[in-house]
Amino acid sequence: EPVVSLAEVLAENEELEKEARAVLGGSDHERCSYSQGAVKRQALYACSTCTPPGAEPAGICLACSYECHGTHRLFELYTKRNFRCDCGNSKFKNLQCKLLPEKGKVNAGNKYNDNFYGLYCTCKRPYPDPEDEIPDEMIQCIVCEDWFHGRHLGAVPPESGDFHEMVCQTCMKHCHFLWAYASQLAGKADQEILNFPPLTKVNSLEDEGIVLKVEESEEQKKEIKKESGVEHQDTKEEKQTEQFNEPSTSSGSACPEVKRPLFSDLHITKSEEPVCKLKELQSKPFLKKDTATFWPSNWRSKLCTCEDCLKMYSDLEVQFLTDECDTVLAYENKGTSDQETERRDPLMDTLNSMNRVQQVELICEYNDLKTELTDYLRRFADEGTVVKREDIQHFFEEFQSRKRRRTNRMQYYCS
């Protein structure tokens, strides 16, 4: 039987709590989210007890998972976008939502996949999979939101984990325009796999081997253009270019503003219409492969937002790609921030409900328990031995015994 140290247990527990706060912190655990309509992103669950394989798929919000399905077998779906809680609607034959009984029969805007039956990836297996002995990380596609084994993506994920989001093979075929961006934005591993050929024409900065990368600042770009003999655009023209390429979001000030460097110098026409960045990239050689792709932070802000591209996103039903607040990271950051703001110390809440004498007594008891438990556990840590259930039980029995002896002495002297 594997042995773990107390420090390892505490560290793992802290990491699990941190992850739970990030995922669940952005969702309401007390009120059903149905009244909010299709929530931009929320933690979701599927109930195998109420909607087993063969029944219509359905998703429930965090609050309903606690209140209406607390004793049921649930599949954790992590987060999904633009979803409205199904709990108690026509898909649930013998269950009424306890939090919001009056709901429509169906939510036509919801999208479902095999995840709602506890199956994931192209292999359609559960996770964790008791029959799969190969250790492999599951990665979520940000388009279809299915989860995939790293070995089933057609490309090896970057070993360093140095990527922000992943688009699976099927979704790369659906969002074919992304291949034009891949040579500029996708991770290094992708560029090696794609084996992009050298460009033959020399008519721009990129063709001369000067590629403006995401990490470069505006000052670096200006210096590059100066060394290449390219004149600067005037300040007004630069501001117009930045304005034209600002991605549209629906979250207002909820997400921090991000500076958005351009791929290259976009030449403004006489009518001051912005050049389509996608067309500019598609005019250069690029390859398409049957693989998933891995993308860096802030890559969405580099997508073209001209009128034609916005229409294309709408036709492909991927308008969310230009919204940086749609990312799972943005949701997790908001959840963590909200949790830190709302978290209250239960000890302080208890103290505030007591009079001064009770407060002093409780603080003394708490400090005694903390000191004695710390000293007790330190012995195990120093000796490198495992803390067992009976060890903890023995400690508290001894602690209570000492407490009773102290109380009895106080009663004797007071009588």
Protein backbone atom coordinates (compact mmCIF):
# COMPACT_ATOMS: atom_id res chain seq x y z
CA GLU A 1 0.00 0.00 0.00
CA PRO A 2 1.56 3.35 -1.03
CA VAL A 3 2.68 5.63 1.79
CA VAL A 4 2.38 9.42 1.63
CA SER A 5 3.66 12.01 4.06
CA LEU A 6 1.44 14.45 5.95
CA ALA A 7 3.00 17.32 4.00
CA GLU A 8 2.02 15.66 0.72
CA VAL A 9 -1.57 15.14 1.91
CA LEU A 10 -1.90 18.77 3.00
CA ALA A 11 -0.37 20.06 -0.25
CA GLU A 12 -2.67 17.87 -2.37
CA ASN A 13 -5.71 18.93 -0.35
CA GLU A 14 -4.82 22.60 -0.75
CA GLU A 15 -4.42 22.16 -4.52
CA LEU A 16 -7.80 20.38 -4.79
CA GLU A 17 -9.48 23.14 -2.81
CA LYS A 18 -7.90 25.77 -5.03
CA GLU A 19 -9.10 23.98 -8.18
CA ALA A 20 -12.61 23.57 -6.76
CA ARG A 21 -12.79 27.27 -5.86
CA ALA A 22 -11.75 28.17 -9.41
CA VAL A 23 -14.27 25.89 -11.14
CA LEU A 24 -17.21 26.32 -8.76
CA GLY A 25 -16.55 29.86 -7.57
CA GLY A 26 -18.05 31.42 -10.69
CA SER A 27 -21.31 29.47 -10.24
CA ASP A 28 -24.08 29.98 -7.68
CA HIS A 29 -24.39 27.01 -5.28
CA GLU A 30 -27.68 28.18 -3.75
CA ARG A 31 -29.88 29.40 -6.63
CA CYS A 32 -30.78 27.58 -9.84
CA SER A 33 -29.26 29.36 -12.83
CA TYR A 34 -32.33 28.78 -15.05
CA SER A 35 -33.69 32.28 -14.43
CA GLN A 36 -30.48 33.74 -15.94
CA GLY A 37 -31.22 32.15 -19.31
CA ALA A 38 -28.32 30.65 -21.24
CA VAL A 39 -25.42 31.36 -18.89
CA LYS A 40 -22.24 32.46 -20.63
CA ARG A 41 -20.17 29.84 -18.74
CA GLN A 42 -21.01 27.77 -15.67
CA ALA A 43 -20.18 24.52 -13.90
CA LEU A 44 -22.48 21.74 -15.12
CA TYR A 45 -23.37 18.17 -14.22
CA ALA A 46 -25.26 15.31 -15.85
CA CYS A 47 -27.36 12.94 -13.74
CA SER A 48 -27.00 9.29 -14.72
CA THR A 49 -29.74 8.36 -12.24
CA CYS A 50 -32.38 10.57 -13.90
CA THR A 51 -31.13 10.49 -17.50
CA PRO A 52 -29.30 7.16 -18.05
CA PRO A 53 -27.85 6.10 -21.41
CA GLY A 54 -30.68 5.83 -23.92
CA ALA A 55 -32.60 8.74 -22.40
CA GLU A 56 -32.36 12.29 -23.68
CA PRO A 57 -29.19 14.05 -22.49
CA ALA A 58 -29.64 16.81 -19.93
CA GLY A 59 -27.45 19.13 -17.88
CA ILE A 60 -28.00 20.58 -14.41
CA CYS A 61 -26.47 23.58 -12.67
CA LEU A 62 -24.36 23.52 -9.52
CA ALA A 63 -27.22 24.43 -7.15
CA CYS A 64 -29.50 21.71 -8.55
CA SER A 65 -26.73 19.14 -8.26
CA TYR A 66 -26.76 19.80 -4.51
CA GLU A 67 -30.46 20.34 -3.85
CA CYS A 68 -32.23 18.07 -6.36
CA HIS A 69 -29.64 15.38 -7.16
CA GLY A 70 -27.58 15.16 -3.97
CA THR A 71 -27.90 11.37 -3.65
CA HIS A 72 -27.78 10.60 -7.40
CA ARG A 73 -24.91 9.44 -9.60
CA LEU A 74 -23.55 12.52 -11.34
CA PHE A 75 -21.06 13.14 -14.14
CA GLU A 76 -18.99 16.27 -13.65
CA LEU A 77 -18.89 18.20 -16.94
CA TYR A 78 -16.48 20.91 -15.73
CA THR A 79 -17.81 24.04 -17.49
CA LYS A 80 -19.92 24.63 -20.60
CA ARG A 81 -20.82 27.81 -22.42
CA ASN A 82 -24.27 29.20 -23.25
CA PHE A 83 -26.19 26.54 -21.35
CA ARG A 84 -29.51 26.73 -19.48
CA CYS A 85 -30.26 24.37 -16.59
CA ASP A 86 -32.48 21.42 -17.59
CA CYS A 87 -33.31 20.21 -14.07
CA GLY A 88 -36.98 19.24 -13.79
CA ASN A 89 -37.95 19.87 -17.42
CA SER A 90 -39.53 17.30 -19.76
CA LYS A 91 -36.28 15.27 -19.91
CA PHE A 92 -36.76 14.34 -16.26
CA LYS A 93 -39.76 12.04 -16.11
CA ASN A 94 -40.14 11.67 -12.34
CA LEU A 95 -38.39 14.72 -10.92
CA GLN A 96 -39.42 18.31 -10.31
CA CYS A 97 -36.82 20.98 -9.62
CA LYS A 98 -36.99 21.97 -5.95
CA LEU A 99 -35.45 25.39 -6.57
CA LEU A 100 -37.44 26.48 -9.66
CA PRO A 101 -40.39 24.15 -10.34
CA GLU A 102 -41.81 26.26 -13.18
CA LYS A 103 -39.57 25.71 -16.20
CA GLY A 104 -40.06 25.33 -19.93
CA LYS A 105 -40.28 21.84 -21.38
CA VAL A 106 -36.95 22.02 -23.21
CA ASN A 107 -34.04 24.40 -23.71
CA ALA A 108 -33.68 24.50 -27.47
CA GLY A 109 -30.44 26.48 -27.37
CA ASN A 110 -28.52 23.90 -25.34
CA LYS A 111 -25.90 21.73 -27.04
CA TYR A 112 -25.14 18.20 -25.91
CA ASN A 113 -22.49 15.57 -26.61
CA ASP A 114 -21.36 12.20 -25.23
CA ASN A 115 -19.97 13.93 -22.12
CA PHE A 116 -23.54 14.01 -20.77
CA TYR A 117 -23.41 10.19 -20.66
CA GLY A 118 -19.99 10.14 -19.02
CA LEU A 119 -18.10 9.36 -22.26
CA TYR A 120 -15.21 11.40 -23.61
CA CYS A 121 -12.71 11.69 -26.44
CA THR A 122 -12.81 9.98 -29.83
CA CYS A 123 -12.46 6.65 -28.00
CA LYS A 124 -15.80 7.25 -26.21
CA ARG A 125 -14.52 6.01 -22.86
CA PRO A 126 -15.36 7.13 -19.31
CA TYR A 127 -12.96 9.15 -17.18
CA PRO A 128 -11.36 7.91 -15.10
CA ASP A 129 -11.27 4.71 -17.11
CA PRO A 130 -10.73 1.58 -14.97
CA GLU A 131 -9.60 -0.37 -18.06
CA ASP A 132 -7.05 2.22 -19.22
CA GLU A 133 -3.67 1.69 -17.56
CA ILE A 134 -1.89 4.37 -19.62
CA PRO A 135 -1.42 7.62 -17.66
CA ASP A 136 -2.64 10.40 -19.92
CA GLU A 137 -3.88 13.94 -19.39
CA MET A 138 -7.33 14.91 -20.63
CA ILE A 139 -7.49 18.22 -22.55
CA GLN A 140 -10.66 20.11 -23.42
CA CYS A 141 -11.29 21.48 -26.91
CA ILE A 142 -12.42 25.10 -26.64
CA VAL A 143 -14.75 24.80 -29.64
CA CYS A 144 -16.77 21.59 -29.11
CA GLU A 145 -15.86 21.45 -25.38
CA ASP A 146 -15.33 17.68 -25.47
CA TRP A 147 -12.38 16.21 -23.54
CA PHE A 148 -9.60 14.26 -25.28
CA HIS A 149 -6.71 12.03 -24.28
CA GLY A 150 -3.44 13.66 -25.27
CA ARG A 151 -2.53 10.57 -27.32
CA HIS A 152 -5.74 10.81 -29.39
CA LEU A 153 -5.23 14.32 -30.79
CA GLY A 154 -3.12 13.46 -33.82
CA ALA A 155 -0.37 15.65 -32.38
CA VAL A 156 1.70 15.44 -29.22
CA PRO A 157 0.83 18.23 -26.77
CA PRO A 158 3.80 20.48 -25.91
CA GLU A 159 5.75 18.77 -23.15
CA SER A 160 6.16 21.99 -21.23
CA GLY A 161 2.39 22.51 -21.18
CA ASP A 162 3.14 25.90 -22.68
CA PHE A 163 -0.23 26.45 -24.33
CA HIS A 164 -3.43 28.14 -23.28
CA GLU A 165 -6.14 26.42 -25.34
CA MET A 166 -6.56 23.47 -27.69
CA VAL A 167 -8.68 22.96 -30.81
CA CYS A 168 -9.30 19.30 -31.69
CA GLN A 169 -8.94 17.67 -35.11
CA THR A 170 -12.65 17.72 -35.94
CA CYS A 171 -13.04 21.36 -34.96
CA MET A 172 -9.96 22.37 -36.98
CA LYS A 173 -11.74 20.92 -40.02
CA HIS A 174 -14.90 22.82 -39.08
CA CYS A 175 -12.97 26.05 -38.39
CA HIS A 176 -10.72 25.66 -41.42
CA PHE A 177 -9.77 29.34 -41.38
CA LEU A 178 -7.71 28.74 -38.24
CA TRP A 179 -5.00 27.00 -40.27
CA ALA A 180 -4.05 30.36 -41.76
CA TYR A 181 -3.45 31.67 -38.23
CA ALA A 182 -1.65 28.54 -37.03
CA SER A 183 1.70 29.45 -38.60
CA GLN A 184 1.63 32.78 -36.74
CA LEU A 185 0.04 31.87 -33.44
CA ALA A 186 0.00 28.11 -32.73
CA GLY A 187 2.49 26.58 -30.31
CA LYS A 188 6.01 25.58 -31.32
CA ALA A 189 5.04 21.91 -31.30
CA ASP A 190 2.34 22.64 -33.88
CA GLN A 191 4.72 24.54 -36.12
CA GLU A 192 7.16 21.62 -36.10
CA ILE A 193 4.35 19.18 -36.93
CA LEU A 194 2.94 21.40 -39.64
CA ASN A 195 6.43 21.90 -41.13
CA PHE A 196 5.59 25.25 -42.69
CA PRO A 197 7.60 25.82 -45.88
CA PRO A 198 9.71 28.96 -46.39
CA LEU A 199 7.97 31.77 -48.27
CA THR A 200 9.17 32.43 -51.80
CA LYS A 201 7.92 35.95 -52.48
CA VAL A 202 9.71 38.90 -50.88
CA ASN A 203 7.25 41.75 -50.71
CA SER A 204 6.63 42.38 -47.01
CA LEU A 205 8.33 42.29 -43.63
CA GLU A 206 7.11 38.75 -43.02
CA ASP A 207 8.50 37.58 -46.39
CA GLU A 208 11.92 38.94 -45.42
CA GLY A 209 11.92 36.76 -42.34
CA ILE A 210 10.79 39.45 -39.90
CA VAL A 211 7.70 37.97 -38.29
CA LEU A 212 5.92 40.01 -35.65
CA LYS A 213 5.26 37.62 -32.80
CA VAL A 214 2.61 37.92 -30.12
CA GLU A 215 5.17 38.66 -27.40
CA GLU A 216 6.74 41.66 -29.13
CA SER A 217 5.90 45.14 -27.89
CA GLU A 218 4.88 48.07 -30.09
CA GLU A 219 8.31 49.65 -29.51
CA GLN A 220 10.05 46.53 -30.80
CA LYS A 221 7.84 46.53 -33.90
CA LYS A 222 8.61 50.18 -34.63
CA GLU A 223 12.33 49.43 -34.35
CA ILE A 224 11.99 46.47 -36.73
CA LYS A 225 10.14 48.60 -39.28
CA LYS A 226 12.74 51.35 -38.97
CA GLU A 227 15.63 48.95 -39.61
CA SER A 228 13.79 47.53 -42.63
CA GLY A 229 13.38 50.96 -44.18
CA VAL A 230 9.64 51.05 -43.74
CA GLU A 231 8.17 54.42 -42.83
CA HIS A 232 6.02 54.78 -39.73
CA GLN A 233 2.34 55.42 -40.04
CA ASP A 234 1.19 58.58 -38.34
CA THR A 235 -0.34 58.38 -34.86
CA LYS A 236 -3.89 58.84 -36.09
CA GLU A 237 -3.59 55.98 -38.54
CA GLU A 238 -2.17 53.63 -35.87
CA LYS A 239 -5.07 54.40 -33.55
CA GLN A 240 -7.55 53.72 -36.33
CA THR A 241 -5.88 50.37 -37.08
CA GLU A 242 -6.01 49.32 -33.44
CA GLN A 243 -9.64 50.37 -33.22
CA PHE A 244 -10.61 48.43 -36.34
CA ASN A 245 -9.01 45.26 -34.98
CA GLU A 246 -10.58 45.39 -31.52
CA PRO A 247 -12.45 42.11 -30.95
CA SER A 248 -16.05 42.31 -29.87
CA THR A 249 -16.95 41.00 -26.41
CA SER A 250 -20.18 40.76 -24.51
CA SER A 251 -18.76 41.03 -21.02
CA GLY A 252 -18.02 44.73 -20.86
CA SER A 253 -15.42 45.54 -18.24
CA ALA A 254 -15.54 42.08 -16.66
CA CYS A 255 -12.29 41.10 -18.41
CA PRO A 256 -9.12 43.18 -18.24
CA GLU A 257 -8.25 45.17 -21.32
CA VAL A 258 -5.49 43.55 -23.34
CA LYS A 259 -3.12 45.31 -25.73
CA ARG A 260 -3.47 43.77 -29.16
CA PRO A 261 -0.39 43.87 -31.40
CA LEU A 262 -1.03 43.30 -35.09
CA PHE A 263 0.38 40.52 -37.25
CA SER A 264 1.96 43.04 -39.61
CA ASP A 265 1.46 46.51 -40.94
CA LEU A 266 -2.03 46.62 -42.43
CA HIS A 267 -2.23 49.19 -45.19
CA ILE A 268 -5.26 51.45 -44.91
CA THR A 269 -7.06 52.10 -48.15
CA LYS A 270 -8.25 55.50 -49.32
CA SER A 271 -11.68 54.79 -47.87
CA GLU A 272 -9.93 53.96 -44.57
CA GLU A 273 -11.36 50.43 -44.60
CA PRO A 274 -9.25 47.92 -42.61
CA VAL A 275 -7.53 45.13 -44.51
CA CYS A 276 -8.77 41.67 -43.56
CA LYS A 277 -6.02 39.98 -41.55
CA LEU A 278 -7.31 36.56 -42.55
CA LYS A 279 -7.07 37.32 -46.27
CA GLU A 280 -3.58 38.68 -45.72
CA LEU A 281 -2.52 35.42 -44.06
CA GLN A 282 -4.31 33.24 -46.61
CA SER A 283 -2.36 34.94 -49.39
CA LYS A 284 0.78 33.28 -48.07
CA PRO A 285 1.60 29.53 -48.16
CA PHE A 286 0.27 27.47 -45.25
CA LEU A 287 -0.52 23.81 -44.71
CA LYS A 288 -3.50 21.95 -43.30
CA LYS A 289 -2.97 18.77 -41.32
CA ASP A 290 -5.28 16.25 -39.69
CA THR A 291 -4.19 17.23 -36.17
CA ALA A 292 -5.28 19.23 -33.18
CA THR A 293 -3.59 22.57 -32.56
CA PHE A 294 -2.38 24.27 -29.38
CA TRP A 295 -2.67 28.02 -28.91
CA PRO A 296 -0.95 30.56 -26.65
CA SER A 297 -2.46 33.08 -24.27
CA ASN A 298 -4.43 35.96 -25.86
CA TRP A 299 -4.46 34.29 -29.28
CA ARG A 300 -8.15 35.08 -29.72
CA SER A 301 -7.43 38.82 -29.75
CA LYS A 302 -5.38 38.31 -32.93
CA LEU A 303 -8.33 37.00 -34.96
CA CYS A 304 -9.65 39.36 -37.60
CA THR A 305 -12.88 41.15 -36.73
CA CYS A 306 -13.69 42.71 -40.07
CA GLU A 307 -17.29 42.49 -41.30
CA ASP A 308 -16.67 39.47 -43.52
CA CYS A 309 -14.89 37.52 -40.78
CA LEU A 310 -17.58 38.27 -38.21
CA LYS A 311 -20.19 36.93 -40.63
CA MET A 312 -18.08 33.81 -41.16
CA TYR A 313 -17.83 33.23 -37.40
CA SER A 314 -21.59 33.58 -37.15
CA ASP A 315 -22.21 31.14 -40.00
CA LEU A 316 -19.89 28.61 -38.34
CA GLU A 317 -21.46 29.30 -34.92
CA VAL A 318 -18.12 30.17 -33.34
CA GLN A 319 -18.70 33.86 -32.55
CA PHE A 320 -17.31 33.20 -29.07
CA LEU A 321 -13.79 32.83 -30.47
CA THR A 322 -13.31 36.61 -30.51
CA ASP A 323 -14.42 36.94 -26.89
CA GLU A 324 -11.51 36.58 -24.48
CA CYS A 325 -13.95 36.50 -21.56
CA ASP A 326 -15.29 33.21 -22.98
CA THR A 327 -12.12 31.36 -21.99
CA VAL A 328 -12.13 28.88 -19.13
CA LEU A 329 -9.20 30.79 -17.61
CA ALA A 330 -11.25 34.00 -17.47
CA TYR A 331 -14.08 32.09 -15.77
CA GLU A 332 -11.69 30.48 -13.27
CA ASN A 333 -10.00 33.78 -12.47
CA LYS A 334 -13.39 35.37 -11.80
CA GLY A 335 -14.41 32.43 -9.60
CA THR A 336 -11.19 32.59 -7.59
CA SER A 337 -11.52 36.35 -7.16
CA ASP A 338 -15.16 36.11 -6.07
CA GLN A 339 -14.34 33.33 -3.62
CA GLU A 340 -11.51 35.29 -2.04
CA THR A 341 -13.83 38.28 -1.63
CA GLU A 342 -16.72 36.30 -0.17
CA ARG A 343 -14.81 33.83 1.98
CA ARG A 344 -15.37 34.45 5.66
CA ASP A 345 -13.53 33.01 8.63
CA PRO A 346 -15.98 30.70 10.50
CA LEU A 347 -14.05 31.29 13.74
CA MET A 348 -14.57 35.06 13.45
CA ASP A 349 -18.28 34.55 12.74
CA THR A 350 -18.58 32.44 15.89
CA LEU A 351 -16.65 34.96 17.98
CA ASN A 352 -18.86 37.82 16.83
CA SER A 353 -21.93 35.99 18.17
CA MET A 354 -20.45 35.65 21.71
CA ASN A 355 -19.98 37.95 24.67
CA ARG A 356 -16.48 38.91 25.77
CA VAL A 357 -16.07 36.18 28.41
CA GLN A 358 -17.08 33.48 25.94
CA GLN A 359 -14.75 34.97 23.31
CA VAL A 360 -11.75 34.78 25.65
CA GLU A 361 -12.56 31.19 26.63
CA LEU A 362 -12.96 30.09 23.01
CA ILE A 363 -9.71 31.75 21.92
CA CYS A 364 -7.84 30.04 24.75
CA GLU A 365 -9.33 26.66 23.82
CA TYR A 366 -8.54 27.18 20.14
CA ASN A 367 -4.93 28.15 20.84
CA ASP A 368 -4.46 25.13 23.13
CA LEU A 369 -5.86 22.77 20.50
CA LYS A 370 -3.77 24.33 17.72
CA THR A 371 -0.53 24.17 19.75
CA GLU A 372 -1.00 20.62 20.98
CA LEU A 373 -2.12 19.25 17.60
CA THR A 374 0.81 20.91 15.84
CA ASP A 375 3.30 19.46 18.34
CA TYR A 376 1.65 16.03 18.08
CA LEU A 377 1.75 15.92 14.27
CA ARG A 378 5.29 17.29 14.12
CA ARG A 379 6.53 14.10 15.73
CA PHE A 380 5.16 12.07 12.83
CA ALA A 381 6.67 14.46 10.30
CA ASP A 382 10.10 14.33 12.00
CA GLU A 383 10.03 10.53 12.16
CA GLY A 384 8.65 10.20 8.60
CA THR A 385 5.83 7.96 9.81
CA VAL A 386 2.22 7.79 8.60
CA VAL A 387 -0.59 9.40 10.60
CA LYS A 388 -3.36 6.82 10.99
CA ARG A 389 -7.01 7.21 11.96
CA GLU A 390 -6.36 5.71 15.39
CA ASP A 391 -3.55 8.23 15.99
CA ILE A 392 -5.96 11.14 15.47
CA GLN A 393 -8.60 9.48 17.64
CA HIS A 394 -6.02 8.93 20.40
CA PHE A 395 -4.97 12.59 20.27
CA PHE A 396 -8.49 13.92 20.72
CA GLU A 397 -9.27 11.44 23.50
CA GLU A 398 -6.17 12.63 25.37
CA PHE A 399 -7.01 16.26 24.66
CA GLN A 400 -10.54 15.87 26.02
CA SER A 401 -9.18 14.07 29.09
CA ARG A 402 -6.75 16.92 29.83
CA LYS A 403 -9.55 19.43 29.31
CA ARG A 404 -11.78 17.62 31.83
CA ARG A 405 -8.98 17.54 34.42
CA ARG A 406 -8.43 21.29 34.01
CA THR A 407 -12.17 21.94 34.36
CA ASN A 408 -12.45 19.81 37.49
CA ARG A 409 -9.55 21.65 39.16
CA MET A 410 -11.19 24.99 38.39
CA GLN A 411 -14.47 23.79 39.97
CA TYR A 412 -12.62 22.57 43.09
CA TYR A 413 -10.88 25.88 43.67
CA CYS A 414 -14.04 27.90 43.03
CA SER A 415 -16.21 25.93 45.52
